[in-house]
Structure formats: structure tokens, C-alpha cells
Amino acid sequence: MLLVLKPLVMTMWRSRAFKELIIAMLERIVTRTDNDLDDLAVKHLKDLLLPDTRVEK
């Protein structure tokens, strides 16, 4: 099963929609906890994966 899913996930990881899905799932999980550390971690991931400004190479 991992042999099938890993290439698929690695291919989809580059798309913005997949990144938004991952962030949405993490935000949903984080709302169930009572500490702030995981909130900061998800915010940091969101800033890294979905930057507001586009950086040209």
C-alpha cells in the first residue's frame, strides 16, 4: 500500500490545493487541543507552505 501511496502523495505535494488540504486538516486537529504550542506550529507550517507573497527564483 505504501508503494502505491508514496509516489502519489509526493506528486500531489507540489500542488497548492494539496497543501491547503493538509493545513486545513492540521487546523481542525489543533482545535481539539488546549495548548498553544501546536497552534504556533501549524501557523508556522502555514506560513512556510502557503506564503502570501511569491518569491521568484
Protein backbone atom coordinates (compact mmCIF):
# COMPACT_ATOMS: atom_id res chain seq x y z
CA MET A 1 0.00 0.00 0.00
CA LEU A 2 2.85 2.35 0.83
CA LEU A 3 4.41 1.63 -2.56
CA VAL A 4 1.23 2.94 -4.21
CA LEU A 5 0.52 5.91 -1.94
CA LYS A 6 4.00 7.36 -1.55
CA PRO A 7 4.56 8.32 -5.22
CA LEU A 8 1.04 9.71 -5.40
CA VAL A 9 1.47 11.87 -2.30
CA MET A 10 4.91 13.04 -3.39
CA THR A 11 3.48 14.12 -6.75
CA MET A 12 0.48 15.89 -5.25
CA TRP A 13 2.60 17.64 -2.59
CA ARG A 14 3.62 20.29 -5.12
CA SER A 15 0.06 21.48 -5.73
CA ARG A 16 -1.37 24.37 -3.73
CA ALA A 17 -4.70 22.57 -3.24
CA PHE A 18 -3.00 19.62 -1.54
CA LYS A 19 -1.07 21.95 0.76
CA GLU A 20 -4.30 23.75 1.67
CA LEU A 21 -5.91 20.38 2.43
CA ILE A 22 -3.06 19.41 4.75
CA ILE A 23 -3.18 22.76 6.54
CA ALA A 24 -6.98 22.55 6.93
CA MET A 25 -6.72 19.06 8.42
CA LEU A 26 -3.99 20.17 10.85
CA GLU A 27 -6.01 23.23 11.89
CA ARG A 28 -9.02 21.01 12.57
CA ILE A 29 -6.91 18.68 14.73
CA VAL A 30 -5.33 21.60 16.61
CA THR A 31 -8.72 23.00 17.66
CA ARG A 32 -9.25 19.89 19.79
CA THR A 33 -6.21 20.53 22.00
CA ASP A 34 -5.86 23.06 24.80
CA ASN A 35 -2.22 24.12 24.39
CA ASP A 36 -0.82 26.90 22.22
CA LEU A 37 2.33 25.14 21.05
CA ASP A 38 0.59 23.17 18.33
CA ASP A 39 -1.26 26.32 17.23
CA LEU A 40 2.09 28.03 16.69
CA ALA A 41 3.47 25.01 14.84
CA VAL A 42 0.52 24.94 12.42
CA LYS A 43 0.77 28.71 11.90
CA HIS A 44 4.47 28.33 11.11
CA LEU A 45 3.78 25.50 8.66
CA LYS A 46 1.04 27.53 7.02
CA ASP A 47 3.41 30.48 6.59
CA LEU A 48 6.05 28.22 5.05
CA LEU A 49 3.77 26.18 2.77
CA LEU A 50 1.40 28.96 1.72
CA PRO A 51 3.32 32.24 1.62
CA ASP A 52 1.34 35.42 0.94
CA THR A 53 3.95 36.75 -1.47
CA ARG A 54 5.51 34.80 -4.29
CA VAL A 55 9.28 34.56 -4.38
CA GLU A 56 10.82 34.24 -7.84
CA LYS A 57 13.86 32.04 -8.28
